[in-house]
Amino acid sequence: MEKEQPKKSSRKPWSYGMIVAFLLMIILLPPLLHLFAGGGVILVALLLMALVFGFLDAKIFRFTASFPLLVGAAYFIAMQMYFNAGTWIYLPIMVILAFVGGALGDPQGMRSLGEED
């Protein structure tokens, strides 16, 4: 028999602030970094941020599919504002990296994804 894992606590108000801050970083970071770095550095930074923040979100709270989808929505907004049309290819990569980060941060939550409580 498996031991029942304690459920992680629900989100607190500050946790929503963390999500908003990360989404704003995706939208606001490219024009700020563009002053100091090239496009490749910005791309790598965005991809690493998706992975790391997906991990942190799942580790601190719990794994959900909503965070990677929000990352995708934020990148879509940034893509429309700053990048050329060919950068759409990075949108699914960012979503997948945020999903993988979440799965690494909360493996138990990954296994229970889609199950009813």
PDB file of N, CA and C in Angstrom:
ATOM      1  N   MET A   1       0.828  -1.191   0.000  1.00  0.00           N
ATOM      2  CA  MET A   1       0.000   0.000   0.000  1.00  0.00           C
ATOM      3  C   MET A   1       0.864   1.243   0.000  1.00  0.00           C
ATOM      4  N   GLU A   2       0.412   2.225  -0.716  1.00  0.00           N
ATOM      5  CA  GLU A   2       1.146   3.489  -0.744  1.00  0.00           C
ATOM      6  C   GLU A   2       0.722   4.356   0.421  1.00  0.00           C
ATOM      7  N   LYS A   3       1.693   5.063   0.954  1.00  0.00           N
ATOM      8  CA  LYS A   3       1.364   6.031   1.995  1.00  0.00           C
ATOM      9  C   LYS A   3       0.695   7.230   1.360  1.00  0.00           C
ATOM     10  N   GLU A   4      -0.278   7.766   2.038  1.00  0.00           N
ATOM     11  CA  GLU A   4      -0.971   8.959   1.551  1.00  0.00           C
ATOM     12  C   GLU A   4      -0.063  10.160   1.750  1.00  0.00           C
ATOM     13  N   GLN A   5       0.270  10.826   0.671  1.00  0.00           N
ATOM     14  CA  GLN A   5       1.114  12.011   0.742  1.00  0.00           C
ATOM     15  C   GLN A   5       0.273  13.194   1.193  1.00  0.00           C
ATOM     16  N   PRO A   6       0.805  14.009   2.096  1.00  0.00           N
ATOM     17  CA  PRO A   6       0.050  15.210   2.474  1.00  0.00           C
ATOM     18  C   PRO A   6      -0.046  16.150   1.283  1.00  0.00           C
ATOM     19  N   LYS A   7      -1.226  16.734   1.125  1.00  0.00           N
ATOM     20  CA  LYS A   7      -1.424  17.672   0.017  1.00  0.00           C
ATOM     21  C   LYS A   7      -0.720  18.978   0.325  1.00  0.00           C
ATOM     22  N   LYS A   8      -0.196  19.576  -0.724  1.00  0.00           N
ATOM     23  CA  LYS A   8       0.438  20.877  -0.551  1.00  0.00           C
ATOM     24  C   LYS A   8      -0.639  21.913  -0.326  1.00  0.00           C
ATOM     25  N   SER A   9      -0.259  22.939   0.372  1.00  0.00           N
ATOM     26  CA  SER A   9      -1.231  23.978   0.694  1.00  0.00           C
ATOM     27  C   SER A   9      -1.678  24.708  -0.558  1.00  0.00           C
ATOM     28  N   SER A  10      -2.855  25.276  -0.471  1.00  0.00           N
ATOM     29  CA  SER A  10      -3.354  26.037  -1.609  1.00  0.00           C
ATOM     30  C   SER A  10      -2.575  27.347  -1.712  1.00  0.00           C
ATOM     31  N   ARG A  11      -2.793  28.027  -2.783  1.00  0.00           N
ATOM     32  CA  ARG A  11      -2.045  29.255  -3.032  1.00  0.00           C
ATOM     33  C   ARG A  11      -2.449  30.356  -2.061  1.00  0.00           C
ATOM     34  N   LYS A  12      -1.457  31.099  -1.678  1.00  0.00           N
ATOM     35  CA  LYS A  12      -1.657  32.283  -0.838  1.00  0.00           C
ATOM     36  C   LYS A  12      -1.632  33.507  -1.749  1.00  0.00           C
ATOM     37  N   PRO A  13      -2.081  34.663  -1.254  1.00  0.00           N
ATOM     38  CA  PRO A  13      -2.077  35.859  -2.111  1.00  0.00           C
ATOM     39  C   PRO A  13      -0.698  36.192  -2.685  1.00  0.00           C
ATOM     40  N   TRP A  14       0.368  36.013  -1.914  1.00  0.00           N
ATOM     41  CA  TRP A  14       1.693  36.348  -2.423  1.00  0.00           C
ATOM     42  C   TRP A  14       2.104  35.413  -3.556  1.00  0.00           C
ATOM     43  N   SER A  15       1.562  34.193  -3.572  1.00  0.00           N
ATOM     44  CA  SER A  15       1.931  33.261  -4.639  1.00  0.00           C
ATOM     45  C   SER A  15       1.398  33.727  -5.989  1.00  0.00           C
ATOM     46  N   TYR A  16       0.235  34.364  -5.986  1.00  0.00           N
ATOM     47  CA  TYR A  16      -0.277  34.922  -7.233  1.00  0.00           C
ATOM     48  C   TYR A  16       0.609  36.080  -7.688  1.00  0.00           C
ATOM     49  N   GLY A  17       1.145  36.814  -6.728  1.00  0.00           N
ATOM     50  CA  GLY A  17       2.086  37.884  -7.059  1.00  0.00           C
ATOM     51  C   GLY A  17       3.337  37.340  -7.727  1.00  0.00           C
ATOM     52  N   MET A  18       3.801  36.165  -7.273  1.00  0.00           N
ATOM     53  CA  MET A  18       4.970  35.539  -7.879  1.00  0.00           C
ATOM     54  C   MET A  18       4.682  35.159  -9.332  1.00  0.00           C
ATOM     55  N   ILE A  19       3.503  34.617  -9.577  1.00  0.00           N
ATOM     56  CA  ILE A  19       3.138  34.235 -10.941  1.00  0.00           C
ATOM     57  C   ILE A  19       3.057  35.467 -11.833  1.00  0.00           C
ATOM     58  N   VAL A  20       2.416  36.515 -11.338  1.00  0.00           N
ATOM     59  CA  VAL A  20       2.291  37.753 -12.117  1.00  0.00           C
ATOM     60  C   VAL A  20       3.674  38.339 -12.392  1.00  0.00           C
ATOM     61  N   ALA A  21       4.556  38.310 -11.385  1.00  0.00           N
ATOM     62  CA  ALA A  21       5.912  38.839 -11.574  1.00  0.00           C
ATOM     63  C   ALA A  21       6.647  38.061 -12.661  1.00  0.00           C
ATOM     64  N   PHE A  22       6.525  36.744 -12.658  1.00  0.00           N
ATOM     65  CA  PHE A  22       7.195  35.952 -13.682  1.00  0.00           C
ATOM     66  C   PHE A  22       6.623  36.237 -15.067  1.00  0.00           C
ATOM     67  N   LEU A  23       5.309  36.332 -15.164  1.00  0.00           N
ATOM     68  CA  LEU A  23       4.697  36.605 -16.464  1.00  0.00           C
ATOM     69  C   LEU A  23       5.088  37.989 -16.975  1.00  0.00           C
ATOM     70  N   LEU A  24       5.178  38.949 -16.065  1.00  0.00           N
ATOM     71  CA  LEU A  24       5.623  40.281 -16.471  1.00  0.00           C
ATOM     72  C   LEU A  24       7.091  40.273 -16.894  1.00  0.00           C
ATOM     73  N   MET A  25       7.896  39.401 -16.261  1.00  0.00           N
ATOM     74  CA  MET A  25       9.299  39.286 -16.668  1.00  0.00           C
ATOM     75  C   MET A  25       9.399  38.808 -18.109  1.00  0.00           C
ATOM     76  N   ILE A  26       8.536  37.865 -18.493  1.00  0.00           N
ATOM     77  CA  ILE A  26       8.558  37.373 -19.871  1.00  0.00           C
ATOM     78  C   ILE A  26       8.222  38.504 -20.836  1.00  0.00           C
ATOM     79  N   ILE A  27       7.275  39.348 -20.426  1.00  0.00           N
ATOM     80  CA  ILE A  27       6.824  40.419 -21.311  1.00  0.00           C
ATOM     81  C   ILE A  27       7.782  41.612 -21.301  1.00  0.00           C
ATOM     82  N   LEU A  28       8.331  41.954 -20.131  1.00  0.00           N
ATOM     83  CA  LEU A  28       9.140  43.172 -20.016  1.00  0.00           C
ATOM     84  C   LEU A  28      10.649  42.951 -20.136  1.00  0.00           C
ATOM     85  N   LEU A  29      11.119  41.737 -19.913  1.00  0.00           N
ATOM     86  CA  LEU A  29      12.557  41.472 -19.935  1.00  0.00           C
ATOM     87  C   LEU A  29      13.200  41.655 -21.319  1.00  0.00           C
ATOM     88  N   PRO A  30      12.570  41.208 -22.407  1.00  0.00           N
ATOM     89  CA  PRO A  30      13.244  41.356 -23.708  1.00  0.00           C
ATOM     90  C   PRO A  30      13.664  42.781 -24.063  1.00  0.00           C
ATOM     91  N   PRO A  31      12.808  43.799 -23.907  1.00  0.00           N
ATOM     92  CA  PRO A  31      13.300  45.134 -24.279  1.00  0.00           C
ATOM     93  C   PRO A  31      14.365  45.662 -23.320  1.00  0.00           C
ATOM     94  N   LEU A  32      14.329  45.221 -22.059  1.00  0.00           N
ATOM     95  CA  LEU A  32      15.349  45.666 -21.109  1.00  0.00           C
ATOM     96  C   LEU A  32      16.683  44.973 -21.368  1.00  0.00           C
ATOM     97  N   LEU A  33      16.651  43.671 -21.637  1.00  0.00           N
ATOM     98  CA  LEU A  33      17.888  42.941 -21.921  1.00  0.00           C
ATOM     99  C   LEU A  33      18.475  43.327 -23.269  1.00  0.00           C
ATOM    100  N   HIS A  34      17.626  43.758 -24.175  1.00  0.00           N
ATOM    101  CA  HIS A  34      18.108  44.118 -25.511  1.00  0.00           C
ATOM    102  C   HIS A  34      19.133  45.255 -25.456  1.00  0.00           C
ATOM    103  N   LEU A  35      19.089  46.041 -24.404  1.00  0.00           N
ATOM    104  CA  LEU A  35      20.066  47.116 -24.247  1.00  0.00           C
ATOM    105  C   LEU A  35      21.460  46.581 -23.940  1.00  0.00           C
ATOM    106  N   PHE A  36      21.523  45.367 -23.345  1.00  0.00           N
ATOM    107  CA  PHE A  36      22.797  44.834 -22.873  1.00  0.00           C
ATOM    108  C   PHE A  36      23.232  43.546 -23.561  1.00  0.00           C
ATOM    109  N   ALA A  37      22.306  42.849 -24.215  1.00  0.00           N
ATOM    110  CA  ALA A  37      22.628  41.528 -24.757  1.00  0.00           C
ATOM    111  C   ALA A  37      21.959  41.325 -26.111  1.00  0.00           C
ATOM    112  N   GLY A  38      22.445  40.333 -26.824  1.00  0.00           N
ATOM    113  CA  GLY A  38      21.881  40.007 -28.128  1.00  0.00           C
ATOM    114  C   GLY A  38      20.650  39.123 -28.017  1.00  0.00           C
ATOM    115  N   GLY A  39      20.065  38.829 -29.158  1.00  0.00           N
ATOM    116  CA  GLY A  39      18.842  38.039 -29.196  1.00  0.00           C
ATOM    117  C   GLY A  39      19.001  36.628 -28.673  1.00  0.00           C
ATOM    118  N   GLY A  40      20.152  36.010 -28.943  1.00  0.00           N
ATOM    119  CA  GLY A  40      20.389  34.652 -28.460  1.00  0.00           C
ATOM    120  C   GLY A  40      20.409  34.570 -26.944  1.00  0.00           C
ATOM    121  N   VAL A  41      21.012  35.555 -26.313  1.00  0.00           N
ATOM    122  CA  VAL A  41      21.063  35.593 -24.848  1.00  0.00           C
ATOM    123  C   VAL A  41      19.656  35.756 -24.277  1.00  0.00           C
ATOM    124  N   ILE A  42      18.862  36.598 -24.905  1.00  0.00           N
ATOM    125  CA  ILE A  42      17.486  36.812 -24.445  1.00  0.00           C
ATOM    126  C   ILE A  42      16.687  35.524 -24.581  1.00  0.00           C
ATOM    127  N   LEU A  43      16.847  34.828 -25.696  1.00  0.00           N
ATOM    128  CA  LEU A  43      16.131  33.576 -25.915  1.00  0.00           C
ATOM    129  C   LEU A  43      16.511  32.534 -24.872  1.00  0.00           C
ATOM    130  N   VAL A  44      17.796  32.360 -24.641  1.00  0.00           N
ATOM    131  CA  VAL A  44      18.256  31.393 -23.643  1.00  0.00           C
ATOM    132  C   VAL A  44      17.747  31.777 -22.257  1.00  0.00           C
ATOM    133  N   ALA A  45      17.770  33.067 -21.927  1.00  0.00           N
ATOM    134  CA  ALA A  45      17.272  33.519 -20.626  1.00  0.00           C
ATOM    135  C   ALA A  45      15.787  33.195 -20.471  1.00  0.00           C
ATOM    136  N   LEU A  46      14.991  33.439 -21.497  1.00  0.00           N
ATOM    137  CA  LEU A  46      13.561  33.145 -21.420  1.00  0.00           C
ATOM    138  C   LEU A  46      13.301  31.650 -21.272  1.00  0.00           C
ATOM    139  N   LEU A  47      14.045  30.827 -22.014  1.00  0.00           N
ATOM    140  CA  LEU A  47      13.856  29.381 -21.927  1.00  0.00           C
ATOM    141  C   LEU A  47      14.264  28.846 -20.556  1.00  0.00           C
ATOM    142  N   LEU A  48      15.389  29.327 -20.035  1.00  0.00           N
ATOM    143  CA  LEU A  48      15.821  28.895 -18.699  1.00  0.00           C
ATOM    144  C   LEU A  48      14.854  29.369 -17.617  1.00  0.00           C
ATOM    145  N   MET A  49      14.327  30.585 -17.786  1.00  0.00           N
ATOM    146  CA  MET A  49      13.357  31.090 -16.804  1.00  0.00           C
ATOM    147  C   MET A  49      12.102  30.232 -16.802  1.00  0.00           C
ATOM    148  N   ALA A  50      11.653  29.785 -17.959  1.00  0.00           N
ATOM    149  CA  ALA A  50      10.468  28.927 -18.021  1.00  0.00           C
ATOM    150  C   ALA A  50      10.712  27.636 -17.251  1.00  0.00           C
ATOM    151  N   LEU A  51      11.877  27.033 -17.438  1.00  0.00           N
ATOM    152  CA  LEU A  51      12.212  25.793 -16.744  1.00  0.00           C
ATOM    153  C   LEU A  51      12.331  26.011 -15.239  1.00  0.00           C
ATOM    154  N   VAL A  52      13.078  27.016 -14.840  1.00  0.00           N
ATOM    155  CA  VAL A  52      13.326  27.271 -13.415  1.00  0.00           C
ATOM    156  C   VAL A  52      12.049  27.688 -12.686  1.00  0.00           C
ATOM    157  N   PHE A  53      11.284  28.596 -13.266  1.00  0.00           N
ATOM    158  CA  PHE A  53      10.074  29.034 -12.584  1.00  0.00           C
ATOM    159  C   PHE A  53       9.001  27.954 -12.584  1.00  0.00           C
ATOM    160  N   GLY A  54       8.969  27.091 -13.599  1.00  0.00           N
ATOM    161  CA  GLY A  54       8.072  25.937 -13.565  1.00  0.00           C
ATOM    162  C   GLY A  54       8.434  25.017 -12.408  1.00  0.00           C
ATOM    163  N   PHE A  55       9.741  24.803 -12.219  1.00  0.00           N
ATOM    164  CA  PHE A  55      10.219  23.988 -11.103  1.00  0.00           C
ATOM    165  C   PHE A  55       9.842  24.625  -9.767  1.00  0.00           C
ATOM    166  N   LEU A  56      10.120  25.929  -9.628  1.00  0.00           N
ATOM    167  CA  LEU A  56       9.833  26.612  -8.363  1.00  0.00           C
ATOM    168  C   LEU A  56       8.338  26.634  -8.048  1.00  0.00           C
ATOM    169  N   ASP A  57       7.520  26.871  -9.051  1.00  0.00           N
ATOM    170  CA  ASP A  57       6.076  26.899  -8.835  1.00  0.00           C
ATOM    171  C   ASP A  57       5.580  25.549  -8.323  1.00  0.00           C
ATOM    172  N   ALA A  58       6.056  24.464  -8.928  1.00  0.00           N
ATOM    173  CA  ALA A  58       5.625  23.136  -8.497  1.00  0.00           C
ATOM    174  C   ALA A  58       6.219  22.756  -7.146  1.00  0.00           C
ATOM    175  N   LYS A  59       7.455  23.141  -6.905  1.00  0.00           N
ATOM    176  CA  LYS A  59       8.114  22.787  -5.640  1.00  0.00           C
ATOM    177  C   LYS A  59       7.469  23.515  -4.465  1.00  0.00           C
ATOM    178  N   ILE A  60       7.191  24.796  -4.637  1.00  0.00           N
ATOM    179  CA  ILE A  60       6.634  25.587  -3.545  1.00  0.00           C
ATOM    180  C   ILE A  60       5.152  25.296  -3.356  1.00  0.00           C
ATOM    181  N   PHE A  61       4.424  25.159  -4.438  1.00  0.00           N
ATOM    182  CA  PHE A  61       2.974  24.988  -4.339  1.00  0.00           C
ATOM    183  C   PHE A  61       2.592  23.575  -4.763  1.00  0.00           C
ATOM    184  N   ARG A  62       2.277  23.387  -6.018  1.00  0.00           N
ATOM    185  CA  ARG A  62       1.970  22.063  -6.544  1.00  0.00           C
ATOM    186  C   ARG A  62       2.057  22.136  -8.066  1.00  0.00           C
ATOM    187  N   PHE A  63       2.143  20.966  -8.670  1.00  0.00           N
ATOM    188  CA  PHE A  63       2.229  20.920 -10.125  1.00  0.00           C
ATOM    189  C   PHE A  63       0.836  21.043 -10.726  1.00  0.00           C
ATOM    190  N   THR A  64       0.677  21.973 -11.633  1.00  0.00           N
ATOM    191  CA  THR A  64      -0.557  22.101 -12.404  1.00  0.00           C
ATOM    192  C   THR A  64      -0.183  22.406 -13.846  1.00  0.00           C
ATOM    193  N   ALA A  65      -1.094  22.112 -14.736  1.00  0.00           N
ATOM    194  CA  ALA A  65      -0.855  22.416 -16.148  1.00  0.00           C
ATOM    195  C   ALA A  65      -1.117  23.884 -16.447  1.00  0.00           C
ATOM    196  N   SER A  66      -1.728  24.594 -15.514  1.00  0.00           N
ATOM    197  CA  SER A  66      -2.073  25.992 -15.781  1.00  0.00           C
ATOM    198  C   SER A  66      -0.836  26.885 -15.865  1.00  0.00           C
ATOM    199  N   PHE A  67       0.190  26.611 -15.076  1.00  0.00           N
ATOM    200  CA  PHE A  67       1.374  27.465 -15.110  1.00  0.00           C
ATOM    201  C   PHE A  67       2.072  27.411 -16.475  1.00  0.00           C
ATOM    202  N   PRO A  68       2.324  26.228 -17.039  1.00  0.00           N
ATOM    203  CA  PRO A  68       2.929  26.214 -18.378  1.00  0.00           C
ATOM    204  C   PRO A  68       2.062  26.912 -19.434  1.00  0.00           C
ATOM    205  N   LEU A  69       0.757  26.803 -19.319  1.00  0.00           N
ATOM    206  CA  LEU A  69      -0.118  27.479 -20.279  1.00  0.00           C
ATOM    207  C   LEU A  69      -0.047  28.995 -20.118  1.00  0.00           C
ATOM    208  N   LEU A  70       0.071  29.462 -18.875  1.00  0.00           N
ATOM    209  CA  LEU A  70       0.241  30.897 -18.648  1.00  0.00           C
ATOM    210  C   LEU A  70       1.573  31.390 -19.207  1.00  0.00           C
ATOM    211  N   VAL A  71       2.599  30.571 -19.082  1.00  0.00           N
ATOM    212  CA  VAL A  71       3.901  30.912 -19.669  1.00  0.00           C
ATOM    213  C   VAL A  71       3.756  31.063 -21.182  1.00  0.00           C
ATOM    214  N   GLY A  72       3.039  30.142 -21.796  1.00  0.00           N
ATOM    215  CA  GLY A  72       2.809  30.228 -23.235  1.00  0.00           C
ATOM    216  C   GLY A  72       2.045  31.481 -23.627  1.00  0.00           C
ATOM    217  N   ALA A  73       1.034  31.833 -22.840  1.00  0.00           N
ATOM    218  CA  ALA A  73       0.257  33.043 -23.129  1.00  0.00           C
ATOM    219  C   ALA A  73       1.123  34.295 -22.994  1.00  0.00           C
ATOM    220  N   ALA A  74       1.955  34.336 -21.959  1.00  0.00           N
ATOM    221  CA  ALA A  74       2.827  35.495 -21.762  1.00  0.00           C
ATOM    222  C   ALA A  74       3.852  35.596 -22.894  1.00  0.00           C
ATOM    223  N   TYR A  75       4.407  34.456 -23.317  1.00  0.00           N
ATOM    224  CA  TYR A  75       5.359  34.503 -24.425  1.00  0.00           C
ATOM    225  C   TYR A  75       4.662  34.939 -25.708  1.00  0.00           C
ATOM    226  N   PHE A  76       3.428  34.503 -25.909  1.00  0.00           N
ATOM    227  CA  PHE A  76       2.690  34.917 -27.107  1.00  0.00           C
ATOM    228  C   PHE A  76       2.535  36.434 -27.136  1.00  0.00           C
ATOM    229  N   ILE A  77       2.215  37.022 -25.985  1.00  0.00           N
ATOM    230  CA  ILE A  77       2.091  38.485 -25.907  1.00  0.00           C
ATOM    231  C   ILE A  77       3.434  39.147 -26.215  1.00  0.00           C
ATOM    232  N   ALA A  78       4.505  38.636 -25.593  1.00  0.00           N
ATOM    233  CA  ALA A  78       5.840  39.200 -25.838  1.00  0.00           C
ATOM    234  C   ALA A  78       6.242  39.025 -27.301  1.00  0.00           C
ATOM    235  N   MET A  79       5.891  37.883 -27.868  1.00  0.00           N
ATOM    236  CA  MET A  79       6.228  37.617 -29.265  1.00  0.00           C
ATOM    237  C   MET A  79       5.538  38.620 -30.191  1.00  0.00           C
ATOM    238  N   GLN A  80       4.285  38.909 -29.911  1.00  0.00           N
ATOM    239  CA  GLN A  80       3.553  39.865 -30.737  1.00  0.00           C
ATOM    240  C   GLN A  80       4.119  41.276 -30.592  1.00  0.00           C
ATOM    241  N   MET A  81       4.629  41.579 -29.404  1.00  0.00           N
ATOM    242  CA  MET A  81       5.128  42.928 -29.143  1.00  0.00           C
ATOM    243  C   MET A  81       6.552  43.152 -29.650  1.00  0.00           C
ATOM    244  N   TYR A  82       7.438  42.150 -29.498  1.00  0.00           N
ATOM    245  CA  TYR A  82       8.860  42.401 -29.700  1.00  0.00           C
ATOM    246  C   TYR A  82       9.530  41.580 -30.792  1.00  0.00           C
ATOM    247  N   PHE A  83       9.064  40.375 -31.040  1.00  0.00           N
ATOM    248  CA  PHE A  83       9.814  39.453 -31.881  1.00  0.00           C
ATOM    249  C   PHE A  83       9.213  39.354 -33.274  1.00  0.00           C
ATOM    250  N   ASN A  84       9.987  38.799 -34.198  1.00  0.00           N
ATOM    251  CA  ASN A  84       9.466  38.621 -35.553  1.00  0.00           C
ATOM    252  C   ASN A  84       8.589  37.375 -35.621  1.00  0.00           C
ATOM    253  N   ALA A  85       7.920  37.192 -36.745  1.00  0.00           N
ATOM    254  CA  ALA A  85       6.928  36.124 -36.885  1.00  0.00           C
ATOM    255  C   ALA A  85       7.537  34.729 -36.763  1.00  0.00           C
ATOM    256  N   GLY A  86       8.806  34.574 -37.059  1.00  0.00           N
ATOM    257  CA  GLY A  86       9.438  33.264 -37.004  1.00  0.00           C
ATOM    258  C   GLY A  86       9.695  32.739 -35.607  1.00  0.00           C
ATOM    259  N   THR A  87       9.528  33.558 -34.606  1.00  0.00           N
ATOM    260  CA  THR A  87       9.822  33.112 -33.239  1.00  0.00           C
ATOM    261  C   THR A  87       8.672  32.345 -32.605  1.00  0.00           C
ATOM    262  N   TRP A  88       7.601  32.103 -33.343  1.00  0.00           N
ATOM    263  CA  TRP A  88       6.496  31.317 -32.794  1.00  0.00           C
ATOM    264  C   TRP A  88       6.969  29.917 -32.412  1.00  0.00           C
ATOM    265  N   ILE A  89       8.020  29.421 -33.048  1.00  0.00           N
ATOM    266  CA  ILE A  89       8.508  28.072 -32.792  1.00  0.00           C
ATOM    267  C   ILE A  89       8.972  27.903 -31.344  1.00  0.00           C
ATOM    268  N   TYR A  90       9.346  28.987 -30.690  1.00  0.00           N
ATOM    269  CA  TYR A  90       9.807  28.894 -29.302  1.00  0.00           C
ATOM    270  C   TYR A  90       8.654  28.823 -28.309  1.00  0.00           C
ATOM    271  N   LEU A  91       7.445  29.145 -28.727  1.00  0.00           N
ATOM    272  CA  LEU A  91       6.295  29.109 -27.823  1.00  0.00           C
ATOM    273  C   LEU A  91       6.048  27.698 -27.285  1.00  0.00           C
ATOM    274  N   PRO A  92       5.922  26.656 -28.132  1.00  0.00           N
ATOM    275  CA  PRO A  92       5.725  25.325 -27.555  1.00  0.00           C
ATOM    276  C   PRO A  92       6.928  24.850 -26.746  1.00  0.00           C
ATOM    277  N   ILE A  93       8.125  25.292 -27.120  1.00  0.00           N
ATOM    278  CA  ILE A  93       9.310  24.901 -26.356  1.00  0.00           C
ATOM    279  C   ILE A  93       9.239  25.487 -24.951  1.00  0.00           C
ATOM    280  N   MET A  94       8.825  26.745 -24.835  1.00  0.00           N
ATOM    281  CA  MET A  94       8.698  27.361 -23.505  1.00  0.00           C
ATOM    282  C   MET A  94       7.640  26.648 -22.673  1.00  0.00           C
ATOM    283  N   VAL A  95       6.518  26.300 -23.287  1.00  0.00           N
ATOM    284  CA  VAL A  95       5.458  25.592 -22.564  1.00  0.00           C
ATOM    285  C   VAL A  95       5.963  24.228 -22.098  1.00  0.00           C
ATOM    286  N   ILE A  96       6.652  23.516 -22.973  1.00  0.00           N
ATOM    287  CA  ILE A  96       7.182  22.200 -22.608  1.00  0.00           C
ATOM    288  C   ILE A  96       8.218  22.326 -21.499  1.00  0.00           C
ATOM    289  N   LEU A  97       9.102  23.312 -21.578  1.00  0.00           N
ATOM    290  CA  LEU A  97      10.108  23.488 -20.519  1.00  0.00           C
ATOM    291  C   LEU A  97       9.461  23.834 -19.180  1.00  0.00           C
ATOM    292  N   ALA A  98       8.436  24.679 -19.175  1.00  0.00           N
ATOM    293  CA  ALA A  98       7.734  24.989 -17.926  1.00  0.00           C
ATOM    294  C   ALA A  98       7.042  23.739 -17.391  1.00  0.00           C
ATOM    295  N   PHE A  99       6.502  22.917 -18.282  1.00  0.00           N
ATOM    296  CA  PHE A  99       5.851  21.668 -17.890  1.00  0.00           C
ATOM    297  C   PHE A  99       6.876  20.700 -17.294  1.00  0.00           C
ATOM    298  N   VAL A 100       8.030  20.564 -17.945  1.00  0.00           N
ATOM    299  CA  VAL A 100       9.093  19.684 -17.447  1.00  0.00           C
ATOM    300  C   VAL A 100       9.611  20.183 -16.101  1.00  0.00           C
ATOM    301  N   GLY A 101       9.807  21.496 -15.975  1.00  0.00           N
ATOM    302  CA  GLY A 101      10.237  22.048 -14.689  1.00  0.00           C
ATOM    303  C   GLY A 101       9.239  21.739 -13.589  1.00  0.00           C
ATOM    304  N   GLY A 102       7.958  21.866 -13.889  1.00  0.00           N
ATOM    305  CA  GLY A 102       6.925  21.532 -12.907  1.00  0.00           C
ATOM    306  C   GLY A 102       6.934  20.060 -12.553  1.00  0.00           C
ATOM    307  N   ALA A 103       7.129  19.198 -13.545  1.00  0.00           N
ATOM    308  CA  ALA A 103       7.172  17.759 -13.295  1.00  0.00           C
ATOM    309  C   ALA A 103       8.379  17.385 -12.436  1.00  0.00           C
ATOM    310  N   LEU A 104       9.500  18.067 -12.634  1.00  0.00           N
ATOM    311  CA  LEU A 104      10.681  17.811 -11.804  1.00  0.00           C
ATOM    312  C   LEU A 104      10.493  18.352 -10.390  1.00  0.00           C
ATOM    313  N   GLY A 105       9.780  19.454 -10.270  1.00  0.00           N
ATOM    314  CA  GLY A 105       9.571  20.065  -8.963  1.00  0.00           C
ATOM    315  C   GLY A 105       8.571  19.325  -8.092  1.00  0.00           C
ATOM    316  N   ASP A 106       7.613  18.643  -8.711  1.00  0.00           N
ATOM    317  CA  ASP A 106       6.588  17.915  -7.957  1.00  0.00           C
ATOM    318  C   ASP A 106       6.240  16.626  -8.699  1.00  0.00           C
ATOM    319  N   PRO A 107       7.109  15.603  -8.596  1.00  0.00           N
ATOM    320  CA  PRO A 107       6.843  14.357  -9.327  1.00  0.00           C
ATOM    321  C   PRO A 107       5.530  13.694  -8.920  1.00  0.00           C
ATOM    322  N   GLN A 108       5.167  13.789  -7.651  1.00  0.00           N
ATOM    323  CA  GLN A 108       3.903  13.209  -7.188  1.00  0.00           C
ATOM    324  C   GLN A 108       2.727  13.902  -7.864  1.00  0.00           C
ATOM    325  N   GLY A 109       2.798  15.202  -7.983  1.00  0.00           N
ATOM    326  CA  GLY A 109       1.742  15.947  -8.661  1.00  0.00           C
ATOM    327  C   GLY A 109       1.662  15.594 -10.132  1.00  0.00           C
ATOM    328  N   MET A 110       2.800  15.306 -10.737  1.00  0.00           N
ATOM    329  CA  MET A 110       2.817  14.909 -12.146  1.00  0.00           C
ATOM    330  C   MET A 110       2.097  13.591 -12.328  1.00  0.00           C
ATOM    331  N   ARG A 111       2.309  12.655 -11.411  1.00  0.00           N
ATOM    332  CA  ARG A 111       1.652  11.355 -11.516  1.00  0.00           C
ATOM    333  C   ARG A 111       0.147  11.469 -11.338  1.00  0.00           C
ATOM    334  N   SER A 112      -0.283  12.432 -10.517  1.00  0.00           N
ATOM    335  CA  SER A 112      -1.714  12.561 -10.241  1.00  0.00           C
ATOM    336  C   SER A 112      -2.407  13.549 -11.175  1.00  0.00           C
ATOM    337  N   LEU A 113      -1.704  14.071 -12.165  1.00  0.00           N
ATOM    338  CA  LEU A 113      -2.299  15.024 -13.098  1.00  0.00           C
ATOM    339  C   LEU A 113      -3.452  14.358 -13.843  1.00  0.00           C
ATOM    340  N   GLY A 114      -4.591  14.979 -13.807  1.00  0.00           N
ATOM    341  CA  GLY A 114      -5.766  14.449 -14.486  1.00  0.00           C
ATOM    342  C   GLY A 114      -6.619  13.534 -13.642  1.00  0.00           C
ATOM    343  N   GLU A 115      -6.159  13.148 -12.466  1.00  0.00           N
ATOM    344  CA  GLU A 115      -6.964  12.306 -11.588  1.00  0.00           C
ATOM    345  C   GLU A 115      -7.931  13.163 -10.799  1.00  0.00           C
ATOM    346  N   GLU A 116      -9.060  12.593 -10.509  1.00  0.00           N
ATOM    347  CA  GLU A 116     -10.044  13.283  -9.675  1.00  0.00           C
ATOM    348  C   GLU A 116      -9.662  13.113  -8.213  1.00  0.00           C
ATOM    349  N   ASP A 117      -9.945  14.136  -7.412  1.00  0.00           N
ATOM    350  CA  ASP A 117      -9.652  14.042  -5.970  1.00  0.00           C
ATOM    351  C   ASP A 117     -10.675  13.193  -5.262  1.00  0.00           C
TER     352      ASP A 117
END
